[in-house]
Amino acid sequence: MVVAAVLGLLAGGSESAGGLVPWPSVMGWRGVAVLVVFSGLLLAANYALQYGAARLPANVTAVLMLSEVLFATLSAVWLTEERLTLKIALGGALIFLRLAPVH
């Protein structure tokens, strides 16, 4: 977890220094509080996923990980008003078809 945070900071810092993305704006105390709460929720969700995935059979975990991509895409479209392009919809359909049982 710490390695991912450090690599994220390094990648974001290098892209900001190179002018690819703007530097983040300065947050007030509310912004910091939201950041801390969401970081804690993300950490708890990640640990819960790791705990549960370690106790499931490998074939169940594989299906769970594939369906996670589908739900993440739908959540991004719904929560952030992201545009659902044909390319993304086809990719989701392919993942969904892969989850369907083959007889």
PDB file of N, CA and C in Angstrom:
ATOM      1  N   MET A   1       0.822  -1.190   0.000  1.00  0.00           N
ATOM      2  CA  MET A   1       0.000   0.000   0.000  1.00  0.00           C
ATOM      3  C   MET A   1       0.865   1.252   0.000  1.00  0.00           C
ATOM      4  N   VAL A   2       1.893   1.244   0.797  1.00  0.00           N
ATOM      5  CA  VAL A   2       2.767   2.418   0.866  1.00  0.00           C
ATOM      6  C   VAL A   2       3.494   2.611  -0.455  1.00  0.00           C
ATOM      7  N   VAL A   3       3.904   1.499  -1.063  1.00  0.00           N
ATOM      8  CA  VAL A   3       4.614   1.588  -2.341  1.00  0.00           C
ATOM      9  C   VAL A   3       3.707   2.215  -3.398  1.00  0.00           C
ATOM     10  N   ALA A   4       2.422   1.812  -3.422  1.00  0.00           N
ATOM     11  CA  ALA A   4       1.488   2.378  -4.398  1.00  0.00           C
ATOM     12  C   ALA A   4       1.304   3.872  -4.169  1.00  0.00           C
ATOM     13  N   ALA A   5       1.236   4.292  -2.916  1.00  0.00           N
ATOM     14  CA  ALA A   5       1.080   5.714  -2.617  1.00  0.00           C
ATOM     15  C   ALA A   5       2.309   6.496  -3.052  1.00  0.00           C
ATOM     16  N   VAL A   6       3.486   5.968  -2.780  1.00  0.00           N
ATOM     17  CA  VAL A   6       4.731   6.658  -3.150  1.00  0.00           C
ATOM     18  C   VAL A   6       4.856   6.734  -4.672  1.00  0.00           C
ATOM     19  N   LEU A   7       4.552   5.629  -5.367  1.00  0.00           N
ATOM     20  CA  LEU A   7       4.638   5.652  -6.821  1.00  0.00           C
ATOM     21  C   LEU A   7       3.621   6.622  -7.420  1.00  0.00           C
ATOM     22  N   GLY A   8       2.427   6.696  -6.835  1.00  0.00           N
ATOM     23  CA  GLY A   8       1.433   7.656  -7.297  1.00  0.00           C
ATOM     24  C   GLY A   8       1.895   9.087  -7.117  1.00  0.00           C
ATOM     25  N   LEU A   9       2.492   9.369  -5.965  1.00  0.00           N
ATOM     26  CA  LEU A   9       3.020  10.713  -5.725  1.00  0.00           C
ATOM     27  C   LEU A   9       4.155  11.052  -6.691  1.00  0.00           C
ATOM     28  N   LEU A  10       5.031  10.092  -6.939  1.00  0.00           N
ATOM     29  CA  LEU A  10       6.128  10.328  -7.875  1.00  0.00           C
ATOM     30  C   LEU A  10       5.608  10.552  -9.297  1.00  0.00           C
ATOM     31  N   ALA A  11       4.638   9.737  -9.724  1.00  0.00           N
ATOM     32  CA  ALA A  11       4.090   9.890 -11.075  1.00  0.00           C
ATOM     33  C   ALA A  11       3.364  11.230 -11.207  1.00  0.00           C
ATOM     34  N   GLY A  12       2.534  11.565 -10.230  1.00  0.00           N
ATOM     35  CA  GLY A  12       1.816  12.842 -10.280  1.00  0.00           C
ATOM     36  C   GLY A  12       2.749  14.028 -10.221  1.00  0.00           C
ATOM     37  N   GLY A  13       3.755  13.942  -9.375  1.00  0.00           N
ATOM     38  CA  GLY A  13       4.719  15.037  -9.261  1.00  0.00           C
ATOM     39  C   GLY A  13       5.526  15.237 -10.527  1.00  0.00           C
ATOM     40  N   SER A  14       5.943  14.127 -11.150  1.00  0.00           N
ATOM     41  CA  SER A  14       6.735  14.253 -12.380  1.00  0.00           C
ATOM     42  C   SER A  14       5.881  14.772 -13.535  1.00  0.00           C
ATOM     43  N   GLU A  15       4.614  14.354 -13.604  1.00  0.00           N
ATOM     44  CA  GLU A  15       3.744  14.865 -14.667  1.00  0.00           C
ATOM     45  C   GLU A  15       3.422  16.343 -14.452  1.00  0.00           C
ATOM     46  N   SER A  16       3.245  16.744 -13.199  1.00  0.00           N
ATOM     47  CA  SER A  16       2.994  18.163 -12.924  1.00  0.00           C
ATOM     48  C   SER A  16       4.226  18.997 -13.217  1.00  0.00           C
ATOM     49  N   ALA A  17       5.393  18.480 -12.843  1.00  0.00           N
ATOM     50  CA  ALA A  17       6.635  19.212 -13.101  1.00  0.00           C
ATOM     51  C   ALA A  17       6.893  19.331 -14.596  1.00  0.00           C
ATOM     52  N   GLY A  18       6.490  18.318 -15.364  1.00  0.00           N
ATOM     53  CA  GLY A  18       6.682  18.347 -16.815  1.00  0.00           C
ATOM     54  C   GLY A  18       5.627  19.143 -17.547  1.00  0.00           C
ATOM     55  N   GLY A  19       4.630  19.647 -16.841  1.00  0.00           N
ATOM     56  CA  GLY A  19       3.600  20.456 -17.455  1.00  0.00           C
ATOM     57  C   GLY A  19       2.482  19.662 -18.107  1.00  0.00           C
ATOM     58  N   LEU A  20       2.438  18.340 -17.865  1.00  0.00           N
ATOM     59  CA  LEU A  20       1.382  17.521 -18.470  1.00  0.00           C
ATOM     60  C   LEU A  20       0.042  17.695 -17.768  1.00  0.00           C
ATOM     61  N   VAL A  21       0.072  17.849 -16.450  1.00  0.00           N
ATOM     62  CA  VAL A  21      -1.151  18.081 -15.677  1.00  0.00           C
ATOM     63  C   VAL A  21      -0.885  19.245 -14.726  1.00  0.00           C
ATOM     64  N   PRO A  22      -1.932  20.001 -14.379  1.00  0.00           N
ATOM     65  CA  PRO A  22      -1.708  21.119 -13.459  1.00  0.00           C
ATOM     66  C   PRO A  22      -1.471  20.640 -12.034  1.00  0.00           C
ATOM     67  N   TRP A  23      -0.759  21.438 -11.264  1.00  0.00           N
ATOM     68  CA  TRP A  23      -0.560  21.130  -9.851  1.00  0.00           C
ATOM     69  C   TRP A  23      -1.901  21.212  -9.128  1.00  0.00           C
ATOM     70  N   PRO A  24      -2.106  20.374  -8.133  1.00  0.00           N
ATOM     71  CA  PRO A  24      -3.373  20.464  -7.384  1.00  0.00           C
ATOM     72  C   PRO A  24      -3.486  21.807  -6.678  1.00  0.00           C
ATOM     73  N   SER A  25      -4.729  22.283  -6.564  1.00  0.00           N
ATOM     74  CA  SER A  25      -4.935  23.540  -5.854  1.00  0.00           C
ATOM     75  C   SER A  25      -4.859  23.299  -4.349  1.00  0.00           C
ATOM     76  N   VAL A  26      -4.614  24.341  -3.616  1.00  0.00           N
ATOM     77  CA  VAL A  26      -4.508  24.241  -2.160  1.00  0.00           C
ATOM     78  C   VAL A  26      -5.907  24.055  -1.583  1.00  0.00           C
ATOM     79  N   MET A  27      -6.048  23.045  -0.704  1.00  0.00           N
ATOM     80  CA  MET A  27      -7.350  22.752  -0.102  1.00  0.00           C
ATOM     81  C   MET A  27      -7.458  23.403   1.267  1.00  0.00           C
ATOM     82  N   GLY A  28      -8.668  23.690   1.652  1.00  0.00           N
ATOM     83  CA  GLY A  28      -8.925  24.136   3.017  1.00  0.00           C
ATOM     84  C   GLY A  28      -9.028  22.925   3.927  1.00  0.00           C
ATOM     85  N   TRP A  29      -9.420  23.149   5.161  1.00  0.00           N
ATOM     86  CA  TRP A  29      -9.501  22.038   6.113  1.00  0.00           C
ATOM     87  C   TRP A  29     -10.587  21.048   5.726  1.00  0.00           C
ATOM     88  N   ARG A  30     -11.639  21.504   5.064  1.00  0.00           N
ATOM     89  CA  ARG A  30     -12.700  20.586   4.618  1.00  0.00           C
ATOM     90  C   ARG A  30     -12.189  19.644   3.533  1.00  0.00           C
ATOM     91  N   GLY A  31     -11.416  20.180   2.626  1.00  0.00           N
ATOM     92  CA  GLY A  31     -10.837  19.345   1.581  1.00  0.00           C
ATOM     93  C   GLY A  31      -9.914  18.289   2.148  1.00  0.00           C
ATOM     94  N   VAL A  32      -9.124  18.672   3.143  1.00  0.00           N
ATOM     95  CA  VAL A  32      -8.233  17.713   3.788  1.00  0.00           C
ATOM     96  C   VAL A  32      -9.047  16.651   4.524  1.00  0.00           C
ATOM     97  N   ALA A  33     -10.131  17.055   5.183  1.00  0.00           N
ATOM     98  CA  ALA A  33     -10.976  16.099   5.910  1.00  0.00           C
ATOM     99  C   ALA A  33     -11.611  15.099   4.941  1.00  0.00           C
ATOM    100  N   VAL A  34     -12.099  15.582   3.808  1.00  0.00           N
ATOM    101  CA  VAL A  34     -12.681  14.688   2.807  1.00  0.00           C
ATOM    102  C   VAL A  34     -11.621  13.734   2.280  1.00  0.00           C
ATOM    103  N   LEU A  35     -10.439  14.239   2.018  1.00  0.00           N
ATOM    104  CA  LEU A  35      -9.345  13.402   1.545  1.00  0.00           C
ATOM    105  C   LEU A  35      -8.995  12.314   2.553  1.00  0.00           C
ATOM    106  N   VAL A  36      -8.940  12.666   3.821  1.00  0.00           N
ATOM    107  CA  VAL A  36      -8.607  11.688   4.859  1.00  0.00           C
ATOM    108  C   VAL A  36      -9.705  10.629   4.978  1.00  0.00           C
ATOM    109  N   VAL A  37     -10.967  11.055   4.951  1.00  0.00           N
ATOM    110  CA  VAL A  37     -12.080  10.101   5.074  1.00  0.00           C
ATOM    111  C   VAL A  37     -12.095   9.144   3.887  1.00  0.00           C
ATOM    112  N   PHE A  38     -11.992   9.682   2.679  1.00  0.00           N
ATOM    113  CA  PHE A  38     -12.009   8.807   1.514  1.00  0.00           C
ATOM    114  C   PHE A  38     -10.779   7.915   1.436  1.00  0.00           C
ATOM    115  N   SER A  39      -9.646   8.394   1.886  1.00  0.00           N
ATOM    116  CA  SER A  39      -8.455   7.544   1.932  1.00  0.00           C
ATOM    117  C   SER A  39      -8.658   6.386   2.901  1.00  0.00           C
ATOM    118  N   GLY A  40      -9.266   6.667   4.044  1.00  0.00           N
ATOM    119  CA  GLY A  40      -9.553   5.613   5.012  1.00  0.00           C
ATOM    120  C   GLY A  40     -10.552   4.603   4.471  1.00  0.00           C
ATOM    121  N   LEU A  41     -11.583   5.088   3.769  1.00  0.00           N
ATOM    122  CA  LEU A  41     -12.560   4.178   3.173  1.00  0.00           C
ATOM    123  C   LEU A  41     -11.925   3.316   2.085  1.00  0.00           C
ATOM    124  N   LEU A  42     -11.070   3.903   1.274  1.00  0.00           N
ATOM    125  CA  LEU A  42     -10.384   3.140   0.236  1.00  0.00           C
ATOM    126  C   LEU A  42      -9.471   2.082   0.853  1.00  0.00           C
ATOM    127  N   LEU A  43      -8.773   2.448   1.905  1.00  0.00           N
ATOM    128  CA  LEU A  43      -7.899   1.496   2.596  1.00  0.00           C
ATOM    129  C   LEU A  43      -8.701   0.342   3.180  1.00  0.00           C
ATOM    130  N   ALA A  44      -9.818   0.651   3.831  1.00  0.00           N
ATOM    131  CA  ALA A  44     -10.656  -0.394   4.421  1.00  0.00           C
ATOM    132  C   ALA A  44     -11.238  -1.305   3.336  1.00  0.00           C
ATOM    133  N   ALA A  45     -11.694  -0.725   2.228  1.00  0.00           N
ATOM    134  CA  ALA A  45     -12.248  -1.539   1.146  1.00  0.00           C
ATOM    135  C   ALA A  45     -11.189  -2.430   0.527  1.00  0.00           C
ATOM    136  N   ASN A  46      -9.983  -1.913   0.367  1.00  0.00           N
ATOM    137  CA  ASN A  46      -8.904  -2.697  -0.211  1.00  0.00           C
ATOM    138  C   ASN A  46      -8.532  -3.860   0.707  1.00  0.00           C
ATOM    139  N   TYR A  47      -8.428  -3.602   1.999  1.00  0.00           N
ATOM    140  CA  TYR A  47      -8.115  -4.688   2.942  1.00  0.00           C
ATOM    141  C   TYR A  47      -9.235  -5.720   2.984  1.00  0.00           C
ATOM    142  N   ALA A  48     -10.484  -5.282   2.907  1.00  0.00           N
ATOM    143  CA  ALA A  48     -11.607  -6.222   2.896  1.00  0.00           C
ATOM    144  C   ALA A  48     -11.563  -7.098   1.648  1.00  0.00           C
ATOM    145  N   LEU A  49     -11.241  -6.498   0.504  1.00  0.00           N
ATOM    146  CA  LEU A  49     -11.124  -7.265  -0.727  1.00  0.00           C
ATOM    147  C   LEU A  49      -9.994  -8.275  -0.631  1.00  0.00           C
ATOM    148  N   GLN A  50      -8.851  -7.851  -0.113  1.00  0.00           N
ATOM    149  CA  GLN A  50      -7.709  -8.758   0.028  1.00  0.00           C
ATOM    150  C   GLN A  50      -8.034  -9.905   0.988  1.00  0.00           C
ATOM    151  N   TYR A  51      -8.715  -9.587   2.072  1.00  0.00           N
ATOM    152  CA  TYR A  51      -9.079 -10.597   3.062  1.00  0.00           C
ATOM    153  C   TYR A  51     -10.043 -11.619   2.463  1.00  0.00           C
ATOM    154  N   GLY A  52     -11.067 -11.118   1.764  1.00  0.00           N
ATOM    155  CA  GLY A  52     -12.051 -12.016   1.176  1.00  0.00           C
ATOM    156  C   GLY A  52     -11.491 -12.821   0.017  1.00  0.00           C
ATOM    157  N   ALA A  53     -10.694 -12.193  -0.845  1.00  0.00           N
ATOM    158  CA  ALA A  53     -10.141 -12.882  -2.010  1.00  0.00           C
ATOM    159  C   ALA A  53      -9.188 -13.993  -1.597  1.00  0.00           C
ATOM    160  N   ALA A  54      -8.510 -13.822  -0.486  1.00  0.00           N
ATOM    161  CA  ALA A  54      -7.579 -14.852  -0.030  1.00  0.00           C
ATOM    162  C   ALA A  54      -8.314 -16.099   0.470  1.00  0.00           C
ATOM    163  N   ARG A  55      -9.582 -15.960   0.801  1.00  0.00           N
ATOM    164  CA  ARG A  55     -10.341 -17.074   1.357  1.00  0.00           C
ATOM    165  C   ARG A  55     -11.308 -17.711   0.357  1.00  0.00           C
ATOM    166  N   LEU A  56     -11.361 -17.205  -0.862  1.00  0.00           N
ATOM    167  CA  LEU A  56     -12.237 -17.751  -1.890  1.00  0.00           C
ATOM    168  C   LEU A  56     -11.442 -18.674  -2.808  1.00  0.00           C
ATOM    169  N   PRO A  57     -12.129 -19.619  -3.437  1.00  0.00           N
ATOM    170  CA  PRO A  57     -11.436 -20.427  -4.451  1.00  0.00           C
ATOM    171  C   PRO A  57     -10.962 -19.551  -5.611  1.00  0.00           C
ATOM    172  N   ALA A  58      -9.939 -19.985  -6.300  1.00  0.00           N
ATOM    173  CA  ALA A  58      -9.327 -19.179  -7.360  1.00  0.00           C
ATOM    174  C   ALA A  58     -10.308 -18.872  -8.481  1.00  0.00           C
ATOM    175  N   ASN A  59     -11.170 -19.824  -8.852  1.00  0.00           N
ATOM    176  CA  ASN A  59     -12.100 -19.569  -9.958  1.00  0.00           C
ATOM    177  C   ASN A  59     -13.147 -18.526  -9.569  1.00  0.00           C
ATOM    178  N   VAL A  60     -13.566 -18.500  -8.319  1.00  0.00           N
ATOM    179  CA  VAL A  60     -14.521 -17.488  -7.861  1.00  0.00           C
ATOM    180  C   VAL A  60     -13.848 -16.122  -7.816  1.00  0.00           C
ATOM    181  N   THR A  61     -12.616 -16.089  -7.351  1.00  0.00           N
ATOM    182  CA  THR A  61     -11.880 -14.826  -7.289  1.00  0.00           C
ATOM    183  C   THR A  61     -11.657 -14.259  -8.691  1.00  0.00           C
ATOM    184  N   ALA A  62     -11.391 -15.113  -9.664  1.00  0.00           N
ATOM    185  CA  ALA A  62     -11.181 -14.649 -11.036  1.00  0.00           C
ATOM    186  C   ALA A  62     -12.442 -13.995 -11.584  1.00  0.00           C
ATOM    187  N   VAL A  63     -13.600 -14.595 -11.341  1.00  0.00           N
ATOM    188  CA  VAL A  63     -14.862 -14.009 -11.813  1.00  0.00           C
ATOM    189  C   VAL A  63     -15.132 -12.696 -11.079  1.00  0.00           C
ATOM    190  N   LEU A  64     -14.833 -12.669  -9.799  1.00  0.00           N
ATOM    191  CA  LEU A  64     -15.028 -11.449  -9.015  1.00  0.00           C
ATOM    192  C   LEU A  64     -14.167 -10.315  -9.556  1.00  0.00           C
ATOM    193  N   MET A  65     -12.924 -10.606  -9.875  1.00  0.00           N
ATOM    194  CA  MET A  65     -12.037  -9.565 -10.390  1.00  0.00           C
ATOM    195  C   MET A  65     -12.492  -9.073 -11.758  1.00  0.00           C
ATOM    196  N   LEU A  66     -12.999  -9.966 -12.608  1.00  0.00           N
ATOM    197  CA  LEU A  66     -13.499  -9.531 -13.912  1.00  0.00           C
ATOM    198  C   LEU A  66     -14.740  -8.668 -13.767  1.00  0.00           C
ATOM    199  N   SER A  67     -15.636  -9.057 -12.874  1.00  0.00           N
ATOM    200  CA  SER A  67     -16.860  -8.270 -12.703  1.00  0.00           C
ATOM    201  C   SER A  67     -16.560  -6.926 -12.050  1.00  0.00           C
ATOM    202  N   GLU A  68     -15.471  -6.832 -11.315  1.00  0.00           N
ATOM    203  CA  GLU A  68     -15.095  -5.562 -10.683  1.00  0.00           C
ATOM    204  C   GLU A  68     -14.840  -4.481 -11.739  1.00  0.00           C
ATOM    205  N   VAL A  69     -14.226  -4.858 -12.857  1.00  0.00           N
ATOM    206  CA  VAL A  69     -13.961  -3.904 -13.933  1.00  0.00           C
ATOM    207  C   VAL A  69     -15.278  -3.383 -14.512  1.00  0.00           C
ATOM    208  N   LEU A  70     -16.227  -4.272 -14.701  1.00  0.00           N
ATOM    209  CA  LEU A  70     -17.527  -3.886 -15.228  1.00  0.00           C
ATOM    210  C   LEU A  70     -18.242  -2.920 -14.288  1.00  0.00           C
ATOM    211  N   PHE A  71     -18.272  -3.233 -12.993  1.00  0.00           N
ATOM    212  CA  PHE A  71     -18.942  -2.366 -12.034  1.00  0.00           C
ATOM    213  C   PHE A  71     -18.209  -1.038 -11.851  1.00  0.00           C
ATOM    214  N   ALA A  72     -16.895  -1.048 -11.954  1.00  0.00           N
ATOM    215  CA  ALA A  72     -16.139   0.200 -11.851  1.00  0.00           C
ATOM    216  C   ALA A  72     -16.459   1.118 -13.025  1.00  0.00           C
ATOM    217  N   THR A  73     -16.593   0.549 -14.207  1.00  0.00           N
ATOM    218  CA  THR A  73     -16.938   1.349 -15.379  1.00  0.00           C
ATOM    219  C   THR A  73     -18.333   1.946 -15.247  1.00  0.00           C
ATOM    220  N   LEU A  74     -19.289   1.120 -14.831  1.00  0.00           N
ATOM    221  CA  LEU A  74     -20.651   1.619 -14.663  1.00  0.00           C
ATOM    222  C   LEU A  74     -20.717   2.678 -13.560  1.00  0.00           C
ATOM    223  N   SER A  75     -19.955   2.492 -12.496  1.00  0.00           N
ATOM    224  CA  SER A  75     -19.924   3.487 -11.420  1.00  0.00           C
ATOM    225  C   SER A  75     -19.331   4.801 -11.906  1.00  0.00           C
ATOM    226  N   ALA A  76     -18.273   4.719 -12.720  1.00  0.00           N
ATOM    227  CA  ALA A  76     -17.650   5.936 -13.246  1.00  0.00           C
ATOM    228  C   ALA A  76     -18.628   6.692 -14.144  1.00  0.00           C
ATOM    229  N   VAL A  77     -19.375   5.961 -14.956  1.00  0.00           N
ATOM    230  CA  VAL A  77     -20.361   6.604 -15.836  1.00  0.00           C
ATOM    231  C   VAL A  77     -21.452   7.254 -15.007  1.00  0.00           C
ATOM    232  N   TRP A  78     -21.911   6.567 -13.979  1.00  0.00           N
ATOM    233  CA  TRP A  78     -23.030   7.060 -13.180  1.00  0.00           C
ATOM    234  C   TRP A  78     -22.619   8.196 -12.243  1.00  0.00           C
ATOM    235  N   LEU A  79     -21.507   8.027 -11.529  1.00  0.00           N
ATOM    236  CA  LEU A  79     -21.143   8.985 -10.488  1.00  0.00           C
ATOM    237  C   LEU A  79     -20.402  10.214 -11.001  1.00  0.00           C
ATOM    238  N   THR A  80     -19.616  10.066 -12.038  1.00  0.00           N
ATOM    239  CA  THR A  80     -18.794  11.187 -12.489  1.00  0.00           C
ATOM    240  C   THR A  80     -19.260  11.763 -13.825  1.00  0.00           C
ATOM    241  N   GLU A  81     -20.412  11.301 -14.308  1.00  0.00           N
ATOM    242  CA  GLU A  81     -20.939  11.756 -15.589  1.00  0.00           C
ATOM    243  C   GLU A  81     -19.941  11.534 -16.723  1.00  0.00           C
ATOM    244  N   GLU A  82     -19.190  10.451 -16.595  1.00  0.00           N
ATOM    245  CA  GLU A  82     -18.255  10.041 -17.649  1.00  0.00           C
ATOM    246  C   GLU A  82     -19.067   9.610 -18.866  1.00  0.00           C
ATOM    247  N   ARG A  83     -18.518   9.823 -20.036  1.00  0.00           N
ATOM    248  CA  ARG A  83     -19.224   9.434 -21.261  1.00  0.00           C
ATOM    249  C   ARG A  83     -19.006   7.960 -21.542  1.00  0.00           C
ATOM    250  N   LEU A  84     -20.076   7.258 -21.812  1.00  0.00           N
ATOM    251  CA  LEU A  84     -19.993   5.843 -22.162  1.00  0.00           C
ATOM    252  C   LEU A  84     -19.866   5.754 -23.681  1.00  0.00           C
ATOM    253  N   THR A  85     -18.645   5.548 -24.141  1.00  0.00           N
ATOM    254  CA  THR A  85     -18.398   5.470 -25.580  1.00  0.00           C
ATOM    255  C   THR A  85     -18.649   4.047 -26.069  1.00  0.00           C
ATOM    256  N   LEU A  86     -18.724   3.901 -27.357  1.00  0.00           N
ATOM    257  CA  LEU A  86     -18.945   2.587 -27.955  1.00  0.00           C
ATOM    258  C   LEU A  86     -17.805   1.631 -27.597  1.00  0.00           C
ATOM    259  N   LYS A  87     -16.589   2.145 -27.608  1.00  0.00           N
ATOM    260  CA  LYS A  87     -15.425   1.314 -27.291  1.00  0.00           C
ATOM    261  C   LYS A  87     -15.517   0.773 -25.862  1.00  0.00           C
ATOM    262  N   ILE A  88     -15.898   1.614 -24.907  1.00  0.00           N
ATOM    263  CA  ILE A  88     -16.018   1.191 -23.514  1.00  0.00           C
ATOM    264  C   ILE A  88     -17.179   0.218 -23.363  1.00  0.00           C
ATOM    265  N   ALA A  89     -18.296   0.490 -24.041  1.00  0.00           N
ATOM    266  CA  ALA A  89     -19.464  -0.401 -23.954  1.00  0.00           C
ATOM    267  C   ALA A  89     -19.142  -1.774 -24.533  1.00  0.00           C
ATOM    268  N   LEU A  90     -18.421  -1.817 -25.647  1.00  0.00           N
ATOM    269  CA  LEU A  90     -18.040  -3.106 -26.230  1.00  0.00           C
ATOM    270  C   LEU A  90     -17.082  -3.864 -25.326  1.00  0.00           C
ATOM    271  N   GLY A  91     -16.160  -3.156 -24.708  1.00  0.00           N
ATOM    272  CA  GLY A  91     -15.255  -3.810 -23.767  1.00  0.00           C
ATOM    273  C   GLY A  91     -16.006  -4.402 -22.583  1.00  0.00           C
ATOM    274  N   GLY A  92     -16.964  -3.646 -22.053  1.00  0.00           N
ATOM    275  CA  GLY A  92     -17.788  -4.155 -20.957  1.00  0.00           C
ATOM    276  C   GLY A  92     -18.618  -5.348 -21.384  1.00  0.00           C
ATOM    277  N   ALA A  93     -19.145  -5.305 -22.600  1.00  0.00           N
ATOM    278  CA  ALA A  93     -19.928  -6.433 -23.108  1.00  0.00           C
ATOM    279  C   ALA A  93     -19.071  -7.684 -23.241  1.00  0.00           C
ATOM    280  N   LEU A  94     -17.850  -7.519 -23.697  1.00  0.00           N
ATOM    281  CA  LEU A  94     -16.949  -8.664 -23.807  1.00  0.00           C
ATOM    282  C   LEU A  94     -16.641  -9.261 -22.443  1.00  0.00           C
ATOM    283  N   ILE A  95     -16.429  -8.406 -21.457  1.00  0.00           N
ATOM    284  CA  ILE A  95     -16.184  -8.901 -20.098  1.00  0.00           C
ATOM    285  C   ILE A  95     -17.431  -9.620 -19.582  1.00  0.00           C
ATOM    286  N   PHE A  96     -18.603  -9.032 -19.817  1.00  0.00           N
ATOM    287  CA  PHE A  96     -19.840  -9.633 -19.346  1.00  0.00           C
ATOM    288  C   PHE A  96     -20.074 -10.974 -20.024  1.00  0.00           C
ATOM    289  N   LEU A  97     -19.802 -11.067 -21.334  1.00  0.00           N
ATOM    290  CA  LEU A  97     -19.969 -12.334 -22.043  1.00  0.00           C
ATOM    291  C   LEU A  97     -19.004 -13.388 -21.521  1.00  0.00           C
ATOM    292  N   ARG A  98     -17.840 -12.962 -21.103  1.00  0.00           N
ATOM    293  CA  ARG A  98     -16.861 -13.905 -20.543  1.00  0.00           C
ATOM    294  C   ARG A  98     -17.336 -14.447 -19.200  1.00  0.00           C
ATOM    295  N   LEU A  99     -18.131 -13.657 -18.464  1.00  0.00           N
ATOM    296  CA  LEU A  99     -18.647 -14.104 -17.168  1.00  0.00           C
ATOM    297  C   LEU A  99     -19.789 -15.094 -17.316  1.00  0.00           C
ATOM    298  N   ALA A 100     -20.461 -15.085 -18.478  1.00  0.00           N
ATOM    299  CA  ALA A 100     -21.589 -15.996 -18.684  1.00  0.00           C
ATOM    300  C   ALA A 100     -21.080 -17.423 -18.758  1.00  0.00           C
ATOM    301  N   PRO A 101     -21.796 -18.360 -18.138  1.00  0.00           N
ATOM    302  CA  PRO A 101     -21.342 -19.753 -18.174  1.00  0.00           C
ATOM    303  C   PRO A 101     -21.426 -20.318 -19.588  1.00  0.00           C
ATOM    304  N   VAL A 102     -20.425 -21.091 -19.945  1.00  0.00           N
ATOM    305  CA  VAL A 102     -20.368 -21.732 -21.258  1.00  0.00           C
ATOM    306  C   VAL A 102     -20.741 -23.194 -21.088  1.00  0.00           C
ATOM    307  N   HIS A 103     -21.725 -23.629 -21.869  1.00  0.00           N
ATOM    308  CA  HIS A 103     -22.158 -25.037 -21.763  1.00  0.00           C
ATOM    309  C   HIS A 103     -21.840 -25.783 -23.030  1.00  0.00           C
TER     310      HIS A 103
END
